[in-house]
Amino acid sequence: MAFILKKHLFIIALFALLFFSNNVFAQSYRGLISQTFMQIAEKGNVIKTNKPLIIIYNRNYCSLYIGDKISYFPVESYSTSIKEGNIEESFLSGETSTTTFGWYLIRILHNNNGESDITINLPSIPGGAAYFVQKAKIYSENGKVSGKVFVNNWEQLNKDFNYNDSLHKINEKRKLDELAKAKYDDSVKIASKEKEKKEKEERNKIILEEKLNTGNNEYVFKSRDAQSYLTKKIDSAVSVNIRHISKIGKIKLYINRNGNIDSCTNVYPFESYISKINEIVMGLNLKVAPFSIDGKAYHSYAIVDLMIDEYFYENNKNQNKKSKGLGVMGW
């Protein structure tokens, strides 16, 4: 019964120590030292190293001295717990200019005899690596153990931590500023390119509209039958009115926005007849589907074949009679 009571009192004392460390330890440093440490390397090989391992830490910062190497880093994810009647502290190393977040995973187990076991894992190293210390001694506040001076004294250590933390924050701010500037520059470039693209599209639309409004738009018939019908109508009318010659060539028809063919000019070889031909074509009141782009109609032109031949008229007059009155063509 007395044993059980003593065990309960010990656990209560551990909780009290845990509470004390949470409220007081955050403002001070704890230090542990061992003159040797065990190193677990690749394939689980264990190597004993006769060099000191020193850890000085609190909830915010840690100084780690392993062999001949010293590291400063902010403490992340600090926690305390009771494990099998002992107090266990654990934390991760924060990011520094030389190591990534979580480079060190540190666990320290304090037993009721005032002894501490230290385990330092390096999970980021391929294959894994770790350092292990049993029964580390308390590191004295004046920075001396067995007459030797290690690292720095407490006041200087605190200054070093604050200085390194300031550098870290400055570097982080610089990185964030550079990232923000890069994003801003990218957004400006994208906006500029979009603006240039829209301006170019608008300029192209204006240029195209100006070109279309000149009327220099070649009309393309939708079918050979439509074109053949038109040329036969013109051939027949011209052959009736201009007799006793035989000529084959081309004329240029002008089509307005409504699709009406309202005039023509010579291409070749009707120079001496073009005035009469134009009069004849205008009298036919011919119409086609207007030249249009995106639903908007424009003036256009069509170059068609013309054959003046009285025999052509005589041979086709019966056909002309059948097609008389078809002056509007829906193509």
Protein backbone atom coordinates (compact mmCIF):
# COMPACT_ATOMS: atom_id res chain seq x y z
CA MET A 1 0.00 0.00 0.00
CA ALA A 2 2.84 2.36 0.90
CA PHE A 3 4.53 1.51 -2.41
CA ILE A 4 1.40 2.39 -4.37
CA LEU A 5 1.04 5.70 -2.50
CA LYS A 6 4.70 6.56 -3.13
CA LYS A 7 4.23 5.81 -6.84
CA HIS A 8 1.20 8.12 -7.01
CA LEU A 9 3.12 10.89 -5.24
CA PHE A 10 5.94 10.47 -7.77
CA ILE A 11 3.53 10.84 -10.70
CA ILE A 12 2.00 13.95 -9.08
CA ALA A 13 5.48 15.37 -8.69
CA LEU A 14 6.20 14.68 -12.36
CA PHE A 15 3.06 16.55 -13.38
CA ALA A 16 4.11 19.46 -11.17
CA LEU A 17 7.53 19.49 -12.84
CA LEU A 18 5.85 19.37 -16.22
CA PHE A 19 3.67 22.38 -15.30
CA PHE A 20 6.70 24.23 -13.98
CA SER A 21 8.68 23.61 -17.18
CA ASN A 22 5.77 24.86 -19.34
CA ASN A 23 5.60 28.18 -17.49
CA VAL A 24 9.20 28.92 -16.49
CA PHE A 25 11.38 27.00 -18.91
CA ALA A 26 10.06 29.01 -21.89
CA GLN A 27 12.01 32.00 -20.55
CA SER A 28 15.30 30.16 -19.88
CA TYR A 29 17.58 27.55 -21.43
CA ARG A 30 18.25 23.98 -20.43
CA GLY A 31 21.57 22.40 -21.32
CA LEU A 32 22.75 18.79 -21.51
CA ILE A 33 26.20 17.41 -22.34
CA SER A 34 27.86 14.08 -23.01
CA GLN A 35 31.55 13.49 -23.73
CA THR A 36 30.67 10.69 -26.18
CA PHE A 37 27.74 9.76 -28.37
CA MET A 38 26.57 6.85 -30.50
CA GLN A 39 25.97 7.42 -34.19
CA ILE A 40 23.60 5.19 -36.15
CA ALA A 41 24.63 5.37 -39.81
CA GLU A 42 23.55 3.55 -42.98
CA LYS A 43 22.36 -0.06 -42.71
CA GLY A 44 21.96 0.39 -38.95
CA ASN A 45 25.69 0.40 -38.19
CA VAL A 46 26.38 1.86 -34.74
CA ILE A 47 29.56 3.91 -34.30
CA LYS A 48 30.81 5.26 -30.98
CA THR A 49 32.33 8.73 -31.26
CA ASN A 50 34.58 10.08 -28.51
CA LYS A 51 33.59 13.69 -29.03
CA PRO A 52 31.19 15.86 -27.07
CA LEU A 53 27.50 16.28 -27.85
CA ILE A 54 25.90 19.36 -26.29
CA ILE A 55 22.31 20.55 -26.60
CA ILE A 56 21.10 23.87 -25.20
CA TYR A 57 17.45 24.65 -25.82
CA ASN A 58 14.12 26.07 -24.75
CA ARG A 59 10.69 26.24 -26.41
CA ASN A 60 11.86 28.75 -29.01
CA TYR A 61 15.48 28.04 -29.93
CA CYS A 62 18.10 25.33 -29.85
CA SER A 63 21.89 25.20 -30.10
CA LEU A 64 23.21 21.76 -31.06
CA TYR A 65 26.89 20.89 -30.85
CA ILE A 66 27.74 17.44 -32.30
CA GLY A 67 31.41 16.57 -32.52
CA ASP A 68 32.92 19.53 -34.35
CA LYS A 69 29.70 20.94 -35.82
CA ILE A 70 27.40 23.52 -34.23
CA SER A 71 23.89 24.36 -35.45
CA TYR A 72 21.43 27.09 -34.43
CA PHE A 73 17.76 26.78 -35.32
CA PRO A 74 14.28 27.78 -34.14
CA VAL A 75 12.26 25.15 -32.31
CA GLU A 76 9.03 23.94 -33.92
CA SER A 77 6.24 21.66 -32.60
CA TYR A 78 7.59 21.56 -29.04
CA SER A 79 5.73 19.20 -26.69
CA THR A 80 6.13 17.52 -23.30
CA SER A 81 4.54 14.31 -22.10
CA ILE A 82 4.89 11.61 -19.43
CA LYS A 83 6.16 8.33 -20.77
CA GLU A 84 6.40 5.33 -18.44
CA GLY A 85 6.76 7.60 -15.43
CA ASN A 86 9.42 9.80 -17.09
CA ILE A 87 9.15 13.25 -18.66
CA GLU A 88 9.76 13.34 -22.40
CA GLU A 89 10.37 16.49 -24.41
CA SER A 90 10.24 16.45 -28.21
CA PHE A 91 10.56 19.06 -30.95
CA LEU A 92 11.54 19.62 -34.57
CA SER A 93 14.14 21.98 -35.95
CA GLY A 94 12.76 24.96 -37.86
CA GLU A 95 14.01 26.04 -41.26
CA THR A 96 17.34 27.88 -41.46
CA SER A 97 19.56 29.16 -44.25
CA THR A 98 21.38 25.78 -44.27
CA THR A 99 18.72 23.21 -43.27
CA THR A 100 15.10 22.53 -44.12
CA PHE A 101 12.21 22.29 -41.69
CA GLY A 102 12.35 19.09 -39.63
CA TRP A 103 15.99 18.34 -40.41
CA TYR A 104 16.38 17.31 -36.75
CA LEU A 105 13.76 15.38 -34.76
CA ILE A 106 14.85 15.56 -31.13
CA ARG A 107 13.52 13.55 -28.16
CA ILE A 108 14.87 13.96 -24.62
CA LEU A 109 13.78 11.58 -21.84
CA HIS A 110 14.34 12.73 -18.23
CA ASN A 111 14.12 10.08 -15.50
CA ASN A 112 13.54 10.60 -11.78
CA ASN A 113 17.27 10.22 -11.06
CA GLY A 114 18.07 13.44 -12.93
CA GLU A 115 19.52 11.58 -15.88
CA SER A 116 18.58 12.33 -19.47
CA ASP A 117 18.71 10.23 -22.66
CA ILE A 118 18.92 12.14 -25.93
CA THR A 119 17.85 10.85 -29.36
CA ILE A 120 18.44 13.01 -32.43
CA ASN A 121 16.98 11.64 -35.67
CA LEU A 122 17.75 13.01 -39.15
CA PRO A 123 14.75 11.76 -41.17
CA SER A 124 15.63 13.74 -44.33
CA ILE A 125 18.90 11.87 -44.89
CA PRO A 126 18.42 8.97 -47.36
CA GLY A 127 18.58 5.70 -45.46
CA GLY A 128 18.17 7.54 -42.15
CA ALA A 129 20.70 8.59 -39.51
CA ALA A 130 20.58 9.28 -35.77
CA TYR A 131 22.62 10.25 -32.71
CA PHE A 132 22.00 8.73 -29.30
CA VAL A 133 23.26 9.68 -25.81
CA GLN A 134 22.58 7.92 -22.51
CA LYS A 135 22.80 9.64 -19.12
CA ALA A 136 23.75 13.09 -20.37
CA LYS A 137 24.92 15.52 -17.68
CA ILE A 138 23.40 18.91 -16.97
CA TYR A 139 25.25 21.67 -18.78
CA SER A 140 26.31 24.38 -16.29
CA GLU A 141 25.10 27.96 -16.60
CA ASN A 142 28.58 29.47 -16.79
CA GLY A 143 29.32 27.45 -19.93
CA LYS A 144 31.99 25.29 -18.29
CA VAL A 145 32.08 21.57 -17.69
CA SER A 146 35.15 19.85 -16.22
CA GLY A 147 37.18 23.00 -16.76
CA LYS A 148 36.45 23.21 -20.49
CA VAL A 149 34.56 26.01 -22.23
CA PHE A 150 31.89 24.93 -24.74
CA VAL A 151 29.89 27.01 -27.22
CA ASN A 152 29.14 30.38 -25.57
CA ASN A 153 28.02 31.67 -22.23
CA TRP A 154 24.28 32.02 -21.71
CA GLU A 155 24.08 35.75 -22.35
CA GLN A 156 26.06 35.50 -25.57
CA LEU A 157 24.06 32.45 -26.63
CA ASN A 158 20.85 34.39 -26.19
CA LYS A 159 22.25 37.25 -28.30
CA ASP A 160 23.30 34.77 -30.98
CA PHE A 161 19.83 33.25 -31.04
CA ASN A 162 18.16 36.63 -31.36
CA TYR A 163 20.60 37.70 -34.08
CA ASN A 164 20.11 34.50 -36.09
CA ASP A 165 16.37 34.75 -35.64
CA SER A 166 16.45 38.34 -36.97
CA LEU A 167 18.50 37.21 -39.98
CA HIS A 168 16.08 34.37 -40.57
CA LYS A 169 13.09 36.72 -40.46
CA ILE A 170 14.83 39.23 -42.73
CA ASN A 171 15.66 36.47 -45.23
CA GLU A 172 12.10 35.15 -45.08
CA LYS A 173 10.71 38.66 -45.66
CA ARG A 174 13.13 39.17 -48.55
CA LYS A 175 12.02 35.85 -50.10
CA LEU A 176 8.36 36.80 -49.68
CA ASP A 177 9.02 40.26 -51.15
CA GLU A 178 10.86 38.73 -54.10
CA LEU A 179 8.05 36.23 -54.63
CA ALA A 180 5.42 38.97 -54.41
CA LYS A 181 7.42 41.13 -56.85
CA ALA A 182 7.83 38.21 -59.26
CA LYS A 183 4.07 37.52 -59.11
CA TYR A 184 3.34 41.23 -59.63
CA ASP A 185 5.78 41.43 -62.56
CA ASP A 186 4.19 38.32 -64.08
CA SER A 187 0.71 39.77 -63.67
CA VAL A 188 1.86 43.05 -65.26
CA LYS A 189 3.42 41.15 -68.17
CA ILE A 190 0.26 39.06 -68.64
CA ALA A 191 -1.96 42.16 -68.46
CA SER A 192 0.35 43.96 -70.88
CA LYS A 193 0.29 41.04 -73.32
CA GLU A 194 -3.50 40.81 -73.06
CA LYS A 195 -3.77 44.56 -73.68
CA GLU A 196 -1.41 44.34 -76.67
CA LYS A 197 -3.41 41.38 -78.02
CA LYS A 198 -6.71 43.25 -77.70
CA GLU A 199 -5.24 46.41 -79.24
CA LYS A 200 -3.83 44.37 -82.13
CA GLU A 201 -7.19 42.67 -82.67
CA GLU A 202 -8.92 46.07 -82.66
CA ARG A 203 -6.36 47.48 -85.14
CA ASN A 204 -6.83 44.44 -87.39
CA LYS A 205 -10.61 44.87 -87.25
CA ILE A 206 -10.27 48.55 -88.25
CA ILE A 207 -7.84 47.72 -91.07
CA LEU A 208 -10.13 44.93 -92.32
CA GLU A 209 -13.19 47.17 -92.12
CA GLU A 210 -11.40 49.91 -94.08
CA LYS A 211 -10.35 47.39 -96.70
CA LEU A 212 -13.86 45.94 -97.00
CA ASN A 213 -15.38 49.41 -97.30
CA THR A 214 -13.27 50.15 -100.38
CA GLY A 215 -15.45 47.69 -102.29
CA ASN A 216 -12.39 45.84 -103.58
CA ASN A 217 -13.98 42.53 -102.58
CA GLU A 218 -14.04 39.77 -105.16
CA TYR A 219 -17.43 38.12 -105.34
CA VAL A 220 -17.42 34.33 -105.29
CA PHE A 221 -20.46 32.59 -106.75
CA LYS A 222 -21.84 29.79 -104.64
CA SER A 223 -22.14 27.44 -107.64
CA ARG A 224 -21.20 27.09 -111.29
CA ASP A 225 -24.91 27.02 -112.21
CA ALA A 226 -25.46 30.41 -110.58
CA GLN A 227 -22.55 31.94 -112.45
CA SER A 228 -23.57 30.28 -115.72
CA TYR A 229 -27.13 31.60 -115.40
CA LEU A 230 -25.86 35.15 -114.88
CA THR A 231 -23.42 35.10 -117.81
CA LYS A 232 -26.00 33.61 -120.16
CA LYS A 233 -28.46 36.39 -119.29
CA ILE A 234 -25.84 39.04 -120.05
CA ASP A 235 -24.55 37.23 -123.17
CA SER A 236 -28.07 36.97 -124.60
CA ALA A 237 -28.97 40.61 -123.96
CA VAL A 238 -25.69 41.94 -125.36
CA SER A 239 -25.80 39.66 -128.43
CA VAL A 240 -29.30 40.94 -129.28
CA ASN A 241 -28.22 44.58 -129.13
CA ILE A 242 -24.71 44.37 -130.56
CA ARG A 243 -24.99 42.38 -133.81
CA HIS A 244 -22.70 41.18 -136.59
CA ILE A 245 -19.60 40.81 -134.37
CA SER A 246 -18.12 37.87 -132.58
CA LYS A 247 -15.96 38.50 -129.53
CA ILE A 248 -15.10 36.56 -126.39
CA GLY A 249 -13.63 38.27 -123.31
CA LYS A 250 -14.33 39.38 -119.77
CA ILE A 251 -16.15 42.22 -118.06
CA LYS A 252 -16.13 43.43 -114.45
CA LEU A 253 -19.51 43.66 -112.75
CA TYR A 254 -20.00 46.00 -109.74
CA ILE A 255 -22.36 44.74 -107.02
CA ASN A 256 -23.74 47.07 -104.35
CA ARG A 257 -24.53 46.26 -100.68
CA ASN A 258 -28.01 45.03 -101.64
CA GLY A 259 -26.65 42.60 -104.24
CA ASN A 260 -27.79 44.67 -107.22
CA ILE A 261 -25.49 44.65 -110.27
CA ASP A 262 -25.57 48.34 -111.13
CA SER A 263 -22.66 48.82 -113.58
CA CYS A 264 -19.77 47.15 -115.36
CA THR A 265 -16.41 47.98 -116.96
CA ASN A 266 -14.24 46.40 -119.61
CA VAL A 267 -11.53 43.91 -118.77
CA TYR A 268 -10.80 42.91 -122.38
CA PRO A 269 -11.43 43.26 -125.33
CA PHE A 270 -14.64 45.35 -125.32
CA GLU A 271 -13.25 48.91 -125.04
CA SER A 272 -15.31 50.29 -127.93
CA TYR A 273 -18.51 48.59 -126.75
CA ILE A 274 -18.32 48.96 -122.98
CA SER A 275 -20.63 51.99 -122.75
CA LYS A 276 -23.36 50.10 -124.62
CA ILE A 277 -22.68 46.91 -122.66
CA ASN A 278 -22.96 48.83 -119.36
CA GLU A 279 -26.28 50.30 -120.46
CA ILE A 280 -27.56 46.84 -121.35
CA VAL A 281 -26.42 45.28 -118.05
CA MET A 282 -28.00 48.06 -115.98
CA GLY A 283 -31.27 47.54 -117.84
CA LEU A 284 -31.38 43.85 -116.84
CA ASN A 285 -31.81 44.70 -113.12
CA LEU A 286 -29.83 41.61 -112.11
CA LYS A 287 -29.41 40.77 -108.45
CA VAL A 288 -27.32 38.29 -106.43
CA ALA A 289 -26.93 37.55 -102.73
CA PRO A 290 -24.71 40.41 -101.44
CA PHE A 291 -21.09 39.95 -100.47
CA SER A 292 -21.03 39.84 -96.62
CA ILE A 293 -18.66 39.22 -93.69
CA ASP A 294 -20.07 38.35 -90.25
CA GLY A 295 -23.53 39.33 -91.42
CA LYS A 296 -22.50 42.78 -92.72
CA ALA A 297 -22.85 43.51 -96.46
CA TYR A 298 -20.24 45.34 -98.56
CA HIS A 299 -19.77 46.48 -102.16
CA SER A 300 -18.00 43.91 -104.32
CA TYR A 301 -17.12 42.97 -107.87
CA ALA A 302 -17.23 39.88 -110.09
CA ILE A 303 -15.28 39.20 -113.28
CA VAL A 304 -17.34 37.09 -115.69
CA ASP A 305 -16.95 35.79 -119.22
CA LEU A 306 -18.81 37.59 -122.02
CA MET A 307 -19.40 36.25 -125.53
CA ILE A 308 -20.97 38.54 -128.20
CA ASP A 309 -22.22 36.30 -130.99
CA GLU A 310 -25.45 36.67 -133.01
CA TYR A 311 -25.44 32.94 -133.66
CA PHE A 312 -25.28 32.39 -129.89
CA TYR A 313 -28.46 34.44 -129.56
CA GLU A 314 -30.29 32.68 -132.37
CA ASN A 315 -29.39 29.26 -131.02
CA ASN A 316 -30.47 30.13 -127.46
CA LYS A 317 -33.47 32.41 -127.98
CA ASN A 318 -35.94 29.64 -127.14
CA GLN A 319 -34.05 29.00 -123.87
CA ASN A 320 -34.04 32.76 -123.21
CA LYS A 321 -37.80 32.83 -123.53
CA LYS A 322 -38.12 30.07 -120.92
CA SER A 323 -35.88 31.85 -118.45
CA LYS A 324 -37.37 35.31 -119.03
CA GLY A 325 -38.32 37.08 -115.83
CA LEU A 326 -35.69 35.37 -113.61
CA GLY A 327 -33.85 38.58 -112.81
CA VAL A 328 -33.27 37.91 -109.06
CA MET A 329 -30.91 35.10 -108.09
CA GLY A 330 -30.77 33.80 -104.54
CA TRP A 331 -27.18 32.71 -104.20
